[in-house]
Amino acid sequence: MQTRGMELPKVGSIGEYIRDQRQQAKISLRQLATQAGVSNPYLSQIERGLRKPSAEILNQIAKGLRISSQALYVQAGLIDDREPDSDVLAAIRADQELSERQRQVLLDIYESFRKENQAEAAAEAERTSQNAQPGPEPSGTDTVPPEEGVAPSRIGRGQSEPKEG
């Protein structure tokens, strides 16, 4: 059957991905099974492509491997990579000098920085919009902040300071 033939590589690829991550983390199959709360035979079947894990099991495995569960969901085909890759993400993914685990850690850190910056930008936009609320009408004179030791001066619009001498 064509459908089955198309599905098996995807199932196998998630298993191979999990095995690769586990081996790079230097965790035995038994240790990961214990950490993920699944049986050794079940995890072995997942790694060999015989079983397709649920999202919940993938989440537990991700925790055991200390990697992003989203990475496993994308690898398993449960979700799509939502945003197109930036040049940075593409470069990290393409770097053959890095192990898969190193790539994932860099991607996670990069994404956390981006989320932090987006949250800060949203907070700044909120502060700006609150400051932009209508206030009292200007009085027609500009107040210049006083320099230390100098009395503040008020200069009307269109006027200049008197010239000495």
Protein backbone atom coordinates (compact mmCIF):
# COMPACT_ATOMS: atom_id res chain seq x y z
CA MET A 1 0.00 0.00 0.00
CA GLN A 2 1.25 3.45 -0.84
CA THR A 3 -0.11 5.12 2.29
CA ARG A 4 1.65 2.66 4.53
CA GLY A 5 4.90 2.99 2.60
CA MET A 6 4.75 6.75 2.96
CA GLU A 7 3.98 6.54 6.68
CA LEU A 8 6.75 4.12 7.67
CA PRO A 9 9.67 6.42 6.84
CA LYS A 10 8.11 9.20 8.94
CA VAL A 11 7.64 6.83 11.90
CA GLY A 12 11.16 5.50 11.40
CA SER A 13 12.58 8.99 11.16
CA ILE A 14 11.22 10.00 14.56
CA GLY A 15 12.63 6.80 16.06
CA GLU A 16 16.00 7.38 14.44
CA TYR A 17 15.94 10.98 15.63
CA ILE A 18 15.18 9.89 19.22
CA ARG A 19 17.91 7.22 19.09
CA ASP A 20 20.40 9.76 17.73
CA GLN A 21 19.51 12.26 20.46
CA ARG A 22 19.75 9.57 23.14
CA GLN A 23 23.14 8.38 21.91
CA GLN A 24 24.52 11.91 21.70
CA ALA A 25 23.32 12.53 25.26
CA LYS A 26 25.07 9.28 26.25
CA ILE A 27 21.89 7.93 27.82
CA SER A 28 21.10 4.21 27.63
CA LEU A 29 17.78 3.00 26.29
CA ARG A 30 16.89 1.79 29.79
CA GLN A 31 17.76 5.16 31.40
CA LEU A 32 15.67 7.10 28.88
CA ALA A 33 12.76 4.71 29.27
CA THR A 34 12.87 5.22 33.04
CA GLN A 35 13.14 9.01 32.73
CA ALA A 36 10.31 9.13 30.17
CA GLY A 37 8.11 6.73 32.14
CA VAL A 38 7.75 4.18 29.34
CA SER A 39 8.81 0.55 29.12
CA ASN A 40 12.13 -0.47 27.59
CA PRO A 41 10.46 -2.60 24.86
CA TYR A 42 8.09 0.23 23.91
CA LEU A 43 10.93 2.78 23.59
CA SER A 44 12.95 0.25 21.60
CA GLN A 45 10.01 -0.23 19.22
CA ILE A 46 9.69 3.53 18.80
CA GLU A 47 13.40 3.83 17.99
CA ARG A 48 13.19 1.00 15.46
CA GLY A 49 10.20 2.61 13.75
CA LEU A 50 7.71 -0.09 14.75
CA ARG A 51 5.56 2.18 16.91
CA LYS A 52 4.40 5.75 16.48
CA PRO A 53 4.43 7.55 19.84
CA SER A 54 1.63 9.89 20.89
CA ALA A 55 2.26 13.58 21.57
CA GLU A 56 2.19 12.84 25.30
CA ILE A 57 4.86 10.13 24.99
CA LEU A 58 6.97 12.44 22.79
CA ASN A 59 6.71 15.11 25.47
CA GLN A 60 7.93 12.65 28.12
CA ILE A 61 10.79 11.50 25.86
CA ALA A 62 11.77 15.13 25.18
CA LYS A 63 11.94 15.79 28.92
CA GLY A 64 14.09 12.69 29.37
CA LEU A 65 16.42 13.86 26.60
CA ARG A 66 16.28 17.47 27.85
CA ILE A 67 15.36 18.78 24.41
CA SER A 68 12.43 20.79 23.08
CA SER A 69 9.23 18.78 22.75
CA GLN A 70 8.37 20.97 19.75
CA ALA A 71 11.43 19.59 17.95
CA LEU A 72 10.08 16.07 18.44
CA TYR A 73 6.57 17.09 17.37
CA VAL A 74 7.93 18.61 14.15
CA GLN A 75 10.12 15.55 13.52
CA ALA A 76 7.12 13.25 14.07
CA GLY A 77 4.97 15.32 11.73
CA LEU A 78 2.50 16.27 14.47
CA ILE A 79 3.04 19.98 13.87
CA ASP A 80 4.59 22.05 11.13
CA ASP A 81 7.49 24.35 11.70
CA ARG A 82 5.37 27.49 11.97
CA GLU A 83 7.71 30.29 10.97
CA PRO A 84 10.02 30.19 7.98
CA ASP A 85 13.63 29.77 9.02
CA SER A 86 15.66 32.88 9.55
CA ASP A 87 19.19 32.90 8.18
CA VAL A 88 20.43 32.15 11.70
CA LEU A 89 18.19 29.09 12.08
CA ALA A 90 19.13 27.84 8.63
CA ALA A 91 22.83 28.27 9.38
CA ILE A 92 22.57 26.39 12.67
CA ARG A 93 20.63 23.54 11.05
CA ALA A 94 23.07 23.34 8.13
CA ASP A 95 26.26 23.31 10.23
CA GLN A 96 27.69 19.79 9.94
CA GLU A 97 30.33 20.51 12.59
CA LEU A 98 27.62 20.52 15.30
CA SER A 99 25.96 17.43 16.71
CA GLU A 100 22.17 17.26 16.52
CA ARG A 101 21.98 17.90 20.25
CA GLN A 102 24.23 20.97 19.97
CA ARG A 103 22.08 22.28 17.13
CA GLN A 104 18.92 21.82 19.20
CA VAL A 105 20.41 23.60 22.21
CA LEU A 106 21.48 26.54 20.03
CA LEU A 107 18.05 26.68 18.39
CA ASP A 108 16.32 26.62 21.79
CA ILE A 109 18.55 29.40 23.15
CA TYR A 110 18.09 31.51 20.02
CA GLU A 111 14.30 31.11 20.17
CA SER A 112 14.24 31.99 23.88
CA PHE A 113 16.15 35.21 23.12
CA ARG A 114 13.71 36.07 20.33
CA LYS A 115 10.69 35.46 22.59
CA GLU A 116 12.27 37.55 25.35
CA ASN A 117 12.90 40.41 22.92
CA GLN A 118 9.34 40.18 21.57
CA ALA A 119 7.96 40.34 25.11
CA GLU A 120 10.13 43.37 25.88
CA ALA A 121 9.03 45.07 22.65
CA ALA A 122 5.38 44.41 23.52
CA ALA A 123 5.89 45.83 27.01
CA GLU A 124 7.63 48.90 25.56
CA ALA A 125 4.80 49.38 23.05
CA GLU A 126 2.32 49.18 25.92
CA ARG A 127 4.26 51.81 27.91
CA THR A 128 4.49 54.04 24.83
CA SER A 129 0.77 53.78 24.14
CA GLN A 130 0.01 54.66 27.77
CA ASN A 131 2.33 57.68 27.57
CA ALA A 132 0.74 58.78 24.28
CA GLN A 133 -2.66 59.24 25.92
CA PRO A 134 -3.95 62.83 25.64
CA GLY A 135 -2.76 65.02 28.46
CA PRO A 136 -3.10 68.73 29.29
CA GLU A 137 -2.65 71.18 26.43
CA PRO A 138 0.84 72.69 26.16
CA SER A 139 1.17 76.19 27.62
CA GLY A 140 2.99 77.66 24.64
CA THR A 141 6.37 77.79 26.32
CA ASP A 142 9.03 75.15 26.35
CA THR A 143 10.71 74.31 29.59
CA VAL A 144 14.36 73.43 29.20
CA PRO A 145 15.67 71.06 31.85
CA PRO A 146 17.99 73.01 34.12
CA GLU A 147 21.66 72.27 34.07
CA GLU A 148 23.23 71.80 37.44
CA GLY A 149 23.93 75.17 39.04
CA VAL A 150 22.02 77.10 36.33
CA ALA A 151 18.55 78.51 36.83
CA PRO A 152 15.96 77.18 34.40
CA SER A 153 15.01 79.52 31.58
CA ARG A 154 11.68 79.84 29.85
CA ILE A 155 11.73 80.79 26.24
CA GLY A 156 8.51 81.46 24.36
CA ARG A 157 8.08 79.98 20.90
CA GLY A 158 9.55 82.14 18.22
CA GLN A 159 11.58 84.13 20.78
CA SER A 160 15.26 84.01 21.33
CA GLU A 161 17.31 84.74 24.42
CA PRO A 162 18.31 88.37 24.86
CA LYS A 163 21.74 89.09 23.46
CA GLU A 164 24.31 90.63 25.67
CA GLY A 165 26.06 93.79 24.83
